[in-house]
Amino acid sequence: MSENRREYFRISYPKGGGPKLISGGVTYPVMNLSEQGLLLALPGRKTEMYTTGTVFSGSITFHDNESFLIIGTITRVSEDSIAVNLRKSIPLRIIMAEQRRLIQYFPKIA
């Protein structure tokens, strides 16, 4: 039996509770994130616009208004989301701050 183990801790957000990422003037809600990756929602977007293996970049803004530039590669496209593997890690201090915020404001899901 194989296990689905992740190398990095992943934060999953409730709908509307995550940070936003802006790329090319388009805003993407962040569904989950880790130091090395993001899952972005594609509400109302055509998935044909996204191709596995292409470069994706933008600016993610967290609830404390800290922004972080990301660049990565699209690794998966589904009917409502894209997964991006990052070239440069999101700092662990940001991940930990997001976890603390989720525990404080969404205690039933954290």
Protein backbone atom coordinates (compact mmCIF):
# COMPACT_ATOMS: atom_id res chain seq x y z
CA MET A 1 0.00 0.00 0.00
CA SER A 2 1.44 3.40 -0.93
CA GLU A 3 1.00 6.46 1.22
CA ASN A 4 0.40 9.97 -0.03
CA ARG A 5 3.09 11.83 1.90
CA ARG A 6 3.96 15.43 1.29
CA GLU A 7 7.40 16.85 1.81
CA TYR A 8 6.05 20.21 3.05
CA PHE A 9 3.26 21.17 5.45
CA ARG A 10 0.19 22.27 3.49
CA ILE A 11 -2.43 24.80 4.62
CA SER A 12 -5.94 24.33 3.23
CA TYR A 13 -8.22 27.35 3.35
CA PRO A 14 -11.99 27.49 3.74
CA LYS A 15 -13.78 29.01 0.76
CA GLY A 16 -13.03 32.74 0.74
CA GLY A 17 -10.58 32.43 3.65
CA GLY A 18 -7.30 32.29 1.75
CA PRO A 19 -4.96 34.89 0.34
CA LYS A 20 -5.28 36.17 -3.22
CA LEU A 21 -2.78 35.89 -6.02
CA ILE A 22 -2.72 38.39 -8.89
CA SER A 23 -1.20 37.39 -12.21
CA GLY A 24 -1.63 39.32 -15.45
CA GLY A 25 -4.41 41.41 -13.93
CA VAL A 26 -6.39 38.30 -12.94
CA THR A 27 -7.12 37.53 -9.26
CA TYR A 28 -6.92 33.89 -8.17
CA PRO A 29 -8.16 32.72 -4.76
CA VAL A 30 -5.58 30.46 -3.07
CA MET A 31 -7.19 27.14 -2.08
CA ASN A 32 -4.10 25.75 -0.36
CA LEU A 33 -0.40 26.40 -0.14
CA SER A 34 2.88 25.05 1.14
CA GLU A 35 6.42 26.38 1.03
CA GLN A 36 6.84 24.89 -2.45
CA GLY A 37 3.41 25.00 -4.04
CA LEU A 38 -0.01 26.56 -4.50
CA LEU A 39 -3.44 25.38 -5.55
CA LEU A 40 -5.34 28.23 -7.19
CA ALA A 41 -9.07 28.36 -7.88
CA LEU A 42 -10.23 29.13 -11.41
CA PRO A 43 -13.72 30.48 -10.83
CA GLY A 44 -15.28 31.13 -14.20
CA ARG A 45 -11.98 30.75 -16.07
CA LYS A 46 -11.46 28.54 -19.08
CA THR A 47 -8.95 25.83 -18.28
CA GLU A 48 -7.76 25.84 -21.90
CA MET A 49 -5.83 29.00 -20.98
CA TYR A 50 -3.53 26.95 -18.71
CA THR A 51 -1.04 24.30 -19.78
CA THR A 52 0.93 21.89 -17.65
CA GLY A 53 4.63 22.73 -17.79
CA THR A 54 4.23 26.45 -18.47
CA VAL A 55 5.65 29.17 -16.24
CA PHE A 56 3.22 30.98 -13.95
CA SER A 57 4.08 34.07 -11.92
CA GLY A 58 2.31 36.65 -9.82
CA SER A 59 2.05 38.36 -6.48
CA ILE A 60 0.35 36.71 -3.53
CA THR A 61 -1.03 38.99 -0.83
CA PHE A 62 -1.74 37.61 2.61
CA HIS A 63 -4.28 38.92 5.14
CA ASP A 64 -1.64 40.95 6.99
CA ASN A 65 -1.05 42.75 3.64
CA GLU A 66 2.39 41.18 3.20
CA SER A 67 3.00 40.41 -0.47
CA PHE A 68 5.33 37.84 -1.96
CA LEU A 69 6.30 37.41 -5.61
CA ILE A 70 6.02 33.86 -6.87
CA ILE A 71 7.23 32.11 -9.98
CA GLY A 72 6.71 28.47 -10.72
CA THR A 73 5.52 25.84 -13.14
CA ILE A 74 1.95 24.66 -13.61
CA THR A 75 1.97 20.99 -12.65
CA ARG A 76 -1.74 20.16 -12.83
CA VAL A 77 -4.86 21.64 -14.43
CA SER A 78 -8.35 20.52 -13.40
CA GLU A 79 -11.76 21.87 -14.30
CA ASP A 80 -11.70 24.38 -11.41
CA SER A 81 -8.07 24.78 -10.28
CA ILE A 82 -4.40 24.80 -11.19
CA ALA A 83 -1.46 23.54 -9.13
CA VAL A 84 1.81 25.48 -9.27
CA ASN A 85 5.19 24.16 -8.12
CA LEU A 86 7.25 27.14 -6.93
CA ARG A 87 10.86 27.82 -7.88
CA LYS A 88 11.45 29.89 -4.72
CA SER A 89 9.91 28.82 -1.41
CA ILE A 90 7.34 30.85 0.45
CA PRO A 91 9.13 31.66 3.73
CA LEU A 92 8.25 29.33 6.60
CA ARG A 93 7.47 32.33 8.82
CA ILE A 94 4.63 33.24 6.43
CA ILE A 95 3.31 29.67 6.45
CA MET A 96 3.36 29.64 10.27
CA ALA A 97 1.61 33.05 10.47
CA GLU A 98 -1.10 31.76 8.13
CA GLN A 99 -1.56 28.66 10.29
CA ARG A 100 -1.93 30.82 13.41
CA ARG A 101 -4.49 33.01 11.62
CA LEU A 102 -6.53 29.99 10.57
CA ILE A 103 -6.54 28.62 14.12
CA GLN A 104 -7.67 31.99 15.44
CA TYR A 105 -10.40 32.75 12.88
CA PHE A 106 -11.44 29.28 11.71
CA PRO A 107 -10.91 27.03 14.77
CA LYS A 108 -13.26 24.30 13.53
CA ILE A 109 -11.23 23.60 10.39
CA ALA A 110 -7.67 24.13 11.66
